[in-house]
Structure formats: C-alpha cells, structure tokens
PDB file of N, CA and C in Angstrom:
ATOM      1  N   MET A   1      -7.187 -16.697  -0.143  1.00  0.00           N
ATOM      2  CA  MET A   1      -6.743 -16.050   1.076  1.00  0.00           C
ATOM      3  C   MET A   1      -7.668 -14.868   1.336  1.00  0.00           C
ATOM      4  N   ALA A   2      -8.098 -14.735   2.582  1.00  0.00           N
ATOM      5  CA  ALA A   2      -9.007 -13.653   2.963  1.00  0.00           C
ATOM      6  C   ALA A   2      -8.233 -12.554   3.691  1.00  0.00           C
ATOM      7  N   HIS A   3      -8.542 -11.315   3.355  1.00  0.00           N
ATOM      8  CA  HIS A   3      -7.889 -10.150   3.954  1.00  0.00           C
ATOM      9  C   HIS A   3      -8.902  -9.413   4.830  1.00  0.00           C
ATOM     10  N   TYR A   4      -8.482  -9.039   6.031  1.00  0.00           N
ATOM     11  CA  TYR A   4      -9.360  -8.357   6.988  1.00  0.00           C
ATOM     12  C   TYR A   4      -8.652  -7.150   7.581  1.00  0.00           C
ATOM     13  N   THR A   5      -9.434  -6.147   7.958  1.00  0.00           N
ATOM     14  CA  THR A   5      -8.927  -4.974   8.670  1.00  0.00           C
ATOM     15  C   THR A   5      -9.759  -4.788   9.920  1.00  0.00           C
ATOM     16  N   TYR A   6      -9.077  -4.545  11.034  1.00  0.00           N
ATOM     17  CA  TYR A   6      -9.741  -4.338  12.325  1.00  0.00           C
ATOM     18  C   TYR A   6      -9.318  -2.985  12.869  1.00  0.00           C
ATOM     19  N   GLN A   7     -10.287  -2.171  13.265  1.00  0.00           N
ATOM     20  CA  GLN A   7     -10.009  -0.874  13.890  1.00  0.00           C
ATOM     21  C   GLN A   7      -9.830  -1.098  15.391  1.00  0.00           C
ATOM     22  N   THR A   8      -8.637  -0.843  15.889  1.00  0.00           N
ATOM     23  CA  THR A   8      -8.328  -1.105  17.292  1.00  0.00           C
ATOM     24  C   THR A   8      -8.977  -0.072  18.210  1.00  0.00           C
ATOM     25  N   ARG A   9      -9.055  -0.433  19.486  1.00  0.00           N
ATOM     26  CA  ARG A   9      -9.627   0.452  20.510  1.00  0.00           C
ATOM     27  C   ARG A   9      -8.745   0.431  21.758  1.00  0.00           C
ATOM     28  N   GLY A  10      -8.393   1.609  22.247  1.00  0.00           N
ATOM     29  CA  GLY A  10      -7.686   1.707  23.520  1.00  0.00           C
ATOM     30  C   GLY A  10      -6.194   1.441  23.474  1.00  0.00           C
ATOM     31  N   VAL A  11      -5.605   1.424  22.271  1.00  0.00           N
ATOM     32  CA  VAL A  11      -4.163   1.169  22.147  1.00  0.00           C
ATOM     33  C   VAL A  11      -3.538   2.186  21.192  1.00  0.00           C
ATOM     34  N   CYS A  12      -2.223   2.151  21.095  1.00  0.00           N
ATOM     35  CA  CYS A  12      -1.511   3.100  20.239  1.00  0.00           C
ATOM     36  C   CYS A  12      -1.692   2.814  18.754  1.00  0.00           C
ATOM     37  N   SER A  13      -1.794   1.534  18.381  1.00  0.00           N
ATOM     38  CA  SER A  13      -2.003   1.235  16.959  1.00  0.00           C
ATOM     39  C   SER A  13      -3.422   1.648  16.560  1.00  0.00           C
ATOM     40  N   ARG A  14      -3.571   2.048  15.301  1.00  0.00           N
ATOM     41  CA  ARG A  14      -4.867   2.519  14.802  1.00  0.00           C
ATOM     42  C   ARG A  14      -5.710   1.388  14.213  1.00  0.00           C
ATOM     43  N   SER A  15      -5.023   0.448  13.577  1.00  0.00           N
ATOM     44  CA  SER A  15      -5.730  -0.662  12.948  1.00  0.00           C
ATOM     45  C   SER A  15      -4.763  -1.821  12.734  1.00  0.00           C
ATOM     46  N   ILE A  16      -5.352  -2.981  12.417  1.00  0.00           N
ATOM     47  CA  ILE A  16      -4.565  -4.181  12.134  1.00  0.00           C
ATOM     48  C   ILE A  16      -5.130  -4.799  10.866  1.00  0.00           C
ATOM     49  N   ASP A  17      -4.258  -5.061   9.895  1.00  0.00           N
ATOM     50  CA  ASP A  17      -4.626  -5.824   8.706  1.00  0.00           C
ATOM     51  C   ASP A  17      -4.089  -7.231   8.898  1.00  0.00           C
ATOM     52  N   PHE A  18      -4.895  -8.227   8.517  1.00  0.00           N
ATOM     53  CA  PHE A  18      -4.398  -9.593   8.601  1.00  0.00           C
ATOM     54  C   PHE A  18      -5.008 -10.448   7.502  1.00  0.00           C
ATOM     55  N   GLU A  19      -4.267 -11.511   7.161  1.00  0.00           N
ATOM     56  CA  GLU A  19      -4.699 -12.447   6.136  1.00  0.00           C
ATOM     57  C   GLU A  19      -4.713 -13.848   6.727  1.00  0.00           C
ATOM     58  N   ILE A  20      -5.800 -14.573   6.450  1.00  0.00           N
ATOM     59  CA  ILE A  20      -6.003 -15.923   6.960  1.00  0.00           C
ATOM     60  C   ILE A  20      -6.248 -16.848   5.772  1.00  0.00           C
ATOM     61  N   GLU A  21      -5.620 -18.006   5.796  1.00  0.00           N
ATOM     62  CA  GLU A  21      -5.901 -19.019   4.790  1.00  0.00           C
ATOM     63  C   GLU A  21      -6.010 -20.370   5.476  1.00  0.00           C
ATOM     64  N   ASN A  22      -7.161 -21.009   5.311  1.00  0.00           N
ATOM     65  CA  ASN A  22      -7.417 -22.328   5.910  1.00  0.00           C
ATOM     66  C   ASN A  22      -7.155 -22.332   7.416  1.00  0.00           C
ATOM     67  N   GLY A  23      -7.560 -21.257   8.097  1.00  0.00           N
ATOM     68  CA  GLY A  23      -7.415 -21.190   9.548  1.00  0.00           C
ATOM     69  C   GLY A  23      -6.023 -20.858  10.039  1.00  0.00           C
ATOM     70  N   ILE A  24      -5.112 -20.535   9.125  1.00  0.00           N
ATOM     71  CA  ILE A  24      -3.723 -20.217   9.478  1.00  0.00           C
ATOM     72  C   ILE A  24      -3.453 -18.746   9.172  1.00  0.00           C
ATOM     73  N   ILE A  25      -2.789 -18.072  10.090  1.00  0.00           N
ATOM     74  CA  ILE A  25      -2.441 -16.659   9.917  1.00  0.00           C
ATOM     75  C   ILE A  25      -1.263 -16.564   8.956  1.00  0.00           C
ATOM     76  N   GLU A  26      -1.477 -15.888   7.843  1.00  0.00           N
ATOM     77  CA  GLU A  26      -0.440 -15.752   6.823  1.00  0.00           C
ATOM     78  C   GLU A  26       0.305 -14.422   6.920  1.00  0.00           C
ATOM     79  N   LYS A  27      -0.393 -13.366   7.366  1.00  0.00           N
ATOM     80  CA  LYS A  27       0.238 -12.044   7.410  1.00  0.00           C
ATOM     81  C   LYS A  27      -0.509 -11.163   8.405  1.00  0.00           C
ATOM     82  N   VAL A  28       0.243 -10.353   9.151  1.00  0.00           N
ATOM     83  CA  VAL A  28      -0.327  -9.365  10.079  1.00  0.00           C
ATOM     84  C   VAL A  28       0.467  -8.078   9.937  1.00  0.00           C
ATOM     85  N   VAL A  29      -0.242  -6.954   9.819  1.00  0.00           N
ATOM     86  CA  VAL A  29       0.406  -5.640   9.764  1.00  0.00           C
ATOM     87  C   VAL A  29      -0.349  -4.716  10.709  1.00  0.00           C
ATOM     88  N   PHE A  30       0.358  -4.186  11.703  1.00  0.00           N
ATOM     89  CA  PHE A  30      -0.203  -3.186  12.609  1.00  0.00           C
ATOM     90  C   PHE A  30       0.086  -1.815  12.019  1.00  0.00           C
ATOM     91  N   HIS A  31      -0.871  -0.906  12.094  1.00  0.00           N
ATOM     92  CA  HIS A  31      -0.690   0.475  11.645  1.00  0.00           C
ATOM     93  C   HIS A  31      -0.622   1.349  12.886  1.00  0.00           C
ATOM     94  N   GLY A  32       0.569   1.873  13.151  1.00  0.00           N
ATOM     95  CA  GLY A  32       0.809   2.628  14.368  1.00  0.00           C
ATOM     96  C   GLY A  32       1.277   1.698  15.477  1.00  0.00           C
ATOM     97  N   GLY A  33       1.448   2.253  16.645  1.00  0.00           N
ATOM     98  CA  GLY A  33       1.919   1.452  17.778  1.00  0.00           C
ATOM     99  C   GLY A  33       3.434   1.393  17.822  1.00  0.00           C
ATOM    100  N   CYS A  34       3.955   0.582  18.699  1.00  0.00           N
ATOM    101  CA  CYS A  34       5.403   0.407  18.876  1.00  0.00           C
ATOM    102  C   CYS A  34       5.908  -0.524  17.779  1.00  0.00           C
ATOM    103  N   ALA A  35       6.582   0.033  16.791  1.00  0.00           N
ATOM    104  CA  ALA A  35       6.935  -0.706  15.581  1.00  0.00           C
ATOM    105  C   ALA A  35       7.673  -2.015  15.858  1.00  0.00           C
ATOM    106  N   GLY A  36       8.677  -1.981  16.703  1.00  0.00           N
ATOM    107  CA  GLY A  36       9.444  -3.201  16.981  1.00  0.00           C
ATOM    108  C   GLY A  36       8.591  -4.282  17.613  1.00  0.00           C
ATOM    109  N   ASN A  37       7.782  -3.896  18.584  1.00  0.00           N
ATOM    110  CA  ASN A  37       6.934  -4.881  19.264  1.00  0.00           C
ATOM    111  C   ASN A  37       5.864  -5.449  18.338  1.00  0.00           C
ATOM    112  N   THR A  38       5.200  -4.591  17.582  1.00  0.00           N
ATOM    113  CA  THR A  38       4.126  -5.090  16.729  1.00  0.00           C
ATOM    114  C   THR A  38       4.683  -5.931  15.581  1.00  0.00           C
ATOM    115  N   GLN A  39       5.847  -5.560  15.050  1.00  0.00           N
ATOM    116  CA  GLN A  39       6.469  -6.386  14.015  1.00  0.00           C
ATOM    117  C   GLN A  39       6.889  -7.739  14.587  1.00  0.00           C
ATOM    118  N   GLY A  40       7.355  -7.733  15.827  1.00  0.00           N
ATOM    119  CA  GLY A  40       7.738  -8.986  16.480  1.00  0.00           C
ATOM    120  C   GLY A  40       6.549  -9.907  16.683  1.00  0.00           C
ATOM    121  N   VAL A  41       5.437  -9.365  17.172  1.00  0.00           N
ATOM    122  CA  VAL A  41       4.224 -10.154  17.353  1.00  0.00           C
ATOM    123  C   VAL A  41       3.775 -10.723  16.012  1.00  0.00           C
ATOM    124  N   ALA A  42       3.765  -9.890  14.979  1.00  0.00           N
ATOM    125  CA  ALA A  42       3.335 -10.324  13.650  1.00  0.00           C
ATOM    126  C   ALA A  42       4.211 -11.468  13.131  1.00  0.00           C
ATOM    127  N   ALA A  43       5.508 -11.361  13.325  1.00  0.00           N
ATOM    128  CA  ALA A  43       6.422 -12.403  12.850  1.00  0.00           C
ATOM    129  C   ALA A  43       6.244 -13.703  13.632  1.00  0.00           C
ATOM    130  N   LEU A  44       6.020 -13.598  14.928  1.00  0.00           N
ATOM    131  CA  LEU A  44       5.899 -14.789  15.760  1.00  0.00           C
ATOM    132  C   LEU A  44       4.632 -15.594  15.492  1.00  0.00           C
ATOM    133  N   ILE A  45       3.545 -14.926  15.115  1.00  0.00           N
ATOM    134  CA  ILE A  45       2.303 -15.681  14.911  1.00  0.00           C
ATOM    135  C   ILE A  45       2.080 -16.093  13.460  1.00  0.00           C
ATOM    136  N   ARG A  46       2.934 -15.659  12.557  1.00  0.00           N
ATOM    137  CA  ARG A  46       2.811 -16.095  11.158  1.00  0.00           C
ATOM    138  C   ARG A  46       2.926 -17.616  11.116  1.00  0.00           C
ATOM    139  N   GLY A  47       1.981 -18.264  10.454  1.00  0.00           N
ATOM    140  CA  GLY A  47       1.966 -19.720  10.361  1.00  0.00           C
ATOM    141  C   GLY A  47       1.227 -20.400  11.497  1.00  0.00           C
ATOM    142  N   MET A  48       0.751 -19.633  12.460  1.00  0.00           N
ATOM    143  CA  MET A  48       0.039 -20.162  13.617  1.00  0.00           C
ATOM    144  C   MET A  48      -1.459 -20.236  13.318  1.00  0.00           C
ATOM    145  N   SER A  49      -2.139 -21.185  13.945  1.00  0.00           N
ATOM    146  CA  SER A  49      -3.593 -21.249  13.776  1.00  0.00           C
ATOM    147  C   SER A  49      -4.243 -20.064  14.484  1.00  0.00           C
ATOM    148  N   VAL A  50      -5.396 -19.673  13.985  1.00  0.00           N
ATOM    149  CA  VAL A  50      -6.140 -18.563  14.585  1.00  0.00           C
ATOM    150  C   VAL A  50      -6.420 -18.854  16.057  1.00  0.00           C
ATOM    151  N   GLU A  51      -6.851 -20.064  16.375  1.00  0.00           N
ATOM    152  CA  GLU A  51      -7.197 -20.427  17.749  1.00  0.00           C
ATOM    153  C   GLU A  51      -5.999 -20.329  18.687  1.00  0.00           C
ATOM    154  N   GLU A  52      -4.838 -20.819  18.238  1.00  0.00           N
ATOM    155  CA  GLU A  52      -3.641 -20.760  19.083  1.00  0.00           C
ATOM    156  C   GLU A  52      -3.222 -19.309  19.330  1.00  0.00           C
ATOM    157  N   ALA A  53      -3.300 -18.467  18.308  1.00  0.00           N
ATOM    158  CA  ALA A  53      -2.939 -17.055  18.467  1.00  0.00           C
ATOM    159  C   ALA A  53      -3.865 -16.388  19.480  1.00  0.00           C
ATOM    160  N   ILE A  54      -5.155 -16.679  19.416  1.00  0.00           N
ATOM    161  CA  ILE A  54      -6.110 -16.120  20.381  1.00  0.00           C
ATOM    162  C   ILE A  54      -5.737 -16.554  21.793  1.00  0.00           C
ATOM    163  N   ASP A  55      -5.441 -17.849  21.959  1.00  0.00           N
ATOM    164  CA  ASP A  55      -5.070 -18.367  23.281  1.00  0.00           C
ATOM    165  C   ASP A  55      -3.821 -17.696  23.828  1.00  0.00           C
ATOM    166  N   ARG A  56      -2.840 -17.438  22.976  1.00  0.00           N
ATOM    167  CA  ARG A  56      -1.572 -16.870  23.429  1.00  0.00           C
ATOM    168  C   ARG A  56      -1.627 -15.360  23.658  1.00  0.00           C
ATOM    169  N   LEU A  57      -2.418 -14.648  22.838  1.00  0.00           N
ATOM    170  CA  LEU A  57      -2.399 -13.181  22.879  1.00  0.00           C
ATOM    171  C   LEU A  57      -3.518 -12.560  23.706  1.00  0.00           C
ATOM    172  N   GLY A  58      -4.627 -13.268  23.825  1.00  0.00           N
ATOM    173  CA  GLY A  58      -5.778 -12.718  24.542  1.00  0.00           C
ATOM    174  C   GLY A  58      -5.461 -12.438  26.004  1.00  0.00           C
ATOM    175  N   GLY A  59      -5.863 -11.278  26.468  1.00  0.00           N
ATOM    176  CA  GLY A  59      -5.683 -10.911  27.876  1.00  0.00           C
ATOM    177  C   GLY A  59      -4.387 -10.201  28.203  1.00  0.00           C
ATOM    178  N   ILE A  60      -3.488 -10.059  27.247  1.00  0.00           N
ATOM    179  CA  ILE A  60      -2.239  -9.331  27.500  1.00  0.00           C
ATOM    180  C   ILE A  60      -2.579  -7.848  27.667  1.00  0.00           C
ATOM    181  N   ARG A  61      -1.998  -7.242  28.687  1.00  0.00           N
ATOM    182  CA  ARG A  61      -2.254  -5.830  28.960  1.00  0.00           C
ATOM    183  C   ARG A  61      -0.995  -5.016  28.698  1.00  0.00           C
ATOM    184  N   CYS A  62      -1.181  -3.730  28.413  1.00  0.00           N
ATOM    185  CA  CYS A  62      -0.071  -2.808  28.193  1.00  0.00           C
ATOM    186  C   CYS A  62      -0.106  -1.777  29.313  1.00  0.00           C
ATOM    187  N   GLY A  63       0.844  -1.878  30.227  1.00  0.00           N
ATOM    188  CA  GLY A  63       0.880  -0.937  31.351  1.00  0.00           C
ATOM    189  C   GLY A  63      -0.415  -0.969  32.133  1.00  0.00           C
ATOM    190  N   PHE A  64      -1.011   0.197  32.325  1.00  0.00           N
ATOM    191  CA  PHE A  64      -2.249   0.295  33.094  1.00  0.00           C
ATOM    192  C   PHE A  64      -3.498   0.168  32.222  1.00  0.00           C
ATOM    193  N   LYS A  65      -3.302  -0.029  30.921  1.00  0.00           N
ATOM    194  CA  LYS A  65      -4.443  -0.175  30.019  1.00  0.00           C
ATOM    195  C   LYS A  65      -5.079  -1.550  30.217  1.00  0.00           C
ATOM    196  N   SER A  66      -6.346  -1.658  29.888  1.00  0.00           N
ATOM    197  CA  SER A  66      -7.040  -2.936  30.026  1.00  0.00           C
ATOM    198  C   SER A  66      -6.833  -3.842  28.815  1.00  0.00           C
ATOM    199  N   THR A  67      -6.071  -3.379  27.833  1.00  0.00           N
ATOM    200  CA  THR A  67      -5.814  -4.132  26.612  1.00  0.00           C
ATOM    201  C   THR A  67      -4.410  -3.820  26.121  1.00  0.00           C
ATOM    202  N   SER A  68      -4.048  -4.364  24.978  1.00  0.00           N
ATOM    203  CA  SER A  68      -2.745  -4.136  24.354  1.00  0.00           C
ATOM    204  C   SER A  68      -2.897  -4.402  22.867  1.00  0.00           C
ATOM    205  N   CYS A  69      -1.868  -4.106  22.102  1.00  0.00           N
ATOM    206  CA  CYS A  69      -1.926  -4.415  20.672  1.00  0.00           C
ATOM    207  C   CYS A  69      -2.082  -5.921  20.438  1.00  0.00           C
ATOM    208  N   PRO A  70      -1.336  -6.796  21.148  1.00  0.00           N
ATOM    209  CA  PRO A  70      -1.567  -8.231  20.967  1.00  0.00           C
ATOM    210  C   PRO A  70      -2.990  -8.648  21.362  1.00  0.00           C
ATOM    211  N   ASP A  71      -3.509  -8.090  22.449  1.00  0.00           N
ATOM    212  CA  ASP A  71      -4.877  -8.401  22.874  1.00  0.00           C
ATOM    213  C   ASP A  71      -5.885  -7.931  21.837  1.00  0.00           C
ATOM    214  N   GLN A  72      -5.648  -6.780  21.222  1.00  0.00           N
ATOM    215  CA  GLN A  72      -6.536  -6.292  20.168  1.00  0.00           C
ATOM    216  C   GLN A  72      -6.500  -7.215  18.951  1.00  0.00           C
ATOM    217  N   LEU A  73      -5.336  -7.785  18.651  1.00  0.00           N
ATOM    218  CA  LEU A  73      -5.257  -8.760  17.569  1.00  0.00           C
ATOM    219  C   LEU A  73      -6.082  -9.994  17.924  1.00  0.00           C
ATOM    220  N   ALA A  74      -6.000 -10.460  19.172  1.00  0.00           N
ATOM    221  CA  ALA A  74      -6.823 -11.597  19.603  1.00  0.00           C
ATOM    222  C   ALA A  74      -8.303 -11.270  19.445  1.00  0.00           C
ATOM    223  N   THR A  75      -8.699 -10.062  19.793  1.00  0.00           N
ATOM    224  CA  THR A  75     -10.088  -9.630  19.629  1.00  0.00           C
ATOM    225  C   THR A  75     -10.482  -9.648  18.157  1.00  0.00           C
ATOM    226  N   ALA A  76      -9.613  -9.147  17.299  1.00  0.00           N
ATOM    227  CA  ALA A  76      -9.878  -9.141  15.854  1.00  0.00           C
ATOM    228  C   ALA A  76     -10.039 -10.572  15.341  1.00  0.00           C
ATOM    229  N   LEU A  77      -9.190 -11.473  15.813  1.00  0.00           N
ATOM    230  CA  LEU A  77      -9.265 -12.861  15.374  1.00  0.00           C
ATOM    231  C   LEU A  77     -10.534 -13.544  15.878  1.00  0.00           C
ATOM    232  N   ARG A  78     -10.969 -13.192  17.086  1.00  0.00           N
ATOM    233  CA  ARG A  78     -12.246 -13.723  17.598  1.00  0.00           C
ATOM    234  C   ARG A  78     -13.400 -13.269  16.710  1.00  0.00           C
ATOM    235  N   GLU A  79     -13.390 -12.000  16.330  1.00  0.00           N
ATOM    236  CA  GLU A  79     -14.429 -11.491  15.429  1.00  0.00           C
ATOM    237  C   GLU A  79     -14.389 -12.212  14.087  1.00  0.00           C
ATOM    238  N   TYR A  80     -13.176 -12.463  13.586  1.00  0.00           N
ATOM    239  CA  TYR A  80     -13.043 -13.214  12.336  1.00  0.00           C
ATOM    240  C   TYR A  80     -13.700 -14.580  12.466  1.00  0.00           C
ATOM    241  N   LEU A  81     -13.405 -15.303  13.566  1.00  0.00           N
ATOM    242  CA  LEU A  81     -13.997 -16.630  13.760  1.00  0.00           C
ATOM    243  C   LEU A  81     -15.513 -16.565  13.854  1.00  0.00           C
ATOM    244  N   ALA A  82     -16.029 -15.558  14.537  1.00  0.00           N
ATOM    245  CA  ALA A  82     -17.475 -15.427  14.697  1.00  0.00           C
ATOM    246  C   ALA A  82     -18.173 -15.185  13.362  1.00  0.00           C
ATOM    247  N   GLU A  83     -17.497 -14.521  12.440  1.00  0.00           N
ATOM    248  CA  GLU A  83     -18.089 -14.190  11.141  1.00  0.00           C
ATOM    249  C   GLU A  83     -17.843 -15.264  10.078  1.00  0.00           C
ATOM    250  N   ASN A  84     -16.945 -16.189  10.359  1.00  0.00           N
ATOM    251  CA  ASN A  84     -16.597 -17.203   9.344  1.00  0.00           C
ATOM    252  C   ASN A  84     -16.837 -18.587   9.876  1.00  0.00           C
TER     253      ASN A  84
END
C-alpha cells in the first residue's frame, strides 16, 4: 500500500493524506477544513477506484472559490496517476 500527502491550495484544509492499493482508495484523511464534510467525502470514496473518484470530485467548487476540498483531492489523485 502506498501512502501520499498532498498540500492543498485555495481551500480551508491544509493537506490531504491518502493511501492507494492496486488503484483503489483505501484511506483519506483531510487536515483542517470542515470536519464533517471532509470525513464524509473520505468515507464515501473509500473502496472506489482512483479514476472514478477523480470523475466524481473534480470540478466541485466551494462557494465563490474556484476549487474545494473534494476538488483538491481529485487534483491530488491526478498527480498520483501522473507519477505512477
């Protein structure tokens, strides 16, 4: 199982830790941000393929911001795919 940390940009959370095994998301932990929402996102995508999570989370915005914590997770997962 591979463990990754992504430093977020433009959102309330500071970083996201995630673990991937065989293309499946095993664990996600947001540091900072809206605890209930980020825990909910993490629970919902556990067991999901990296590609499906990117498709579902990418482009979500938070209020007037151009991104969101879920969108930042999609960005982190895209970077993971590009490097692996």
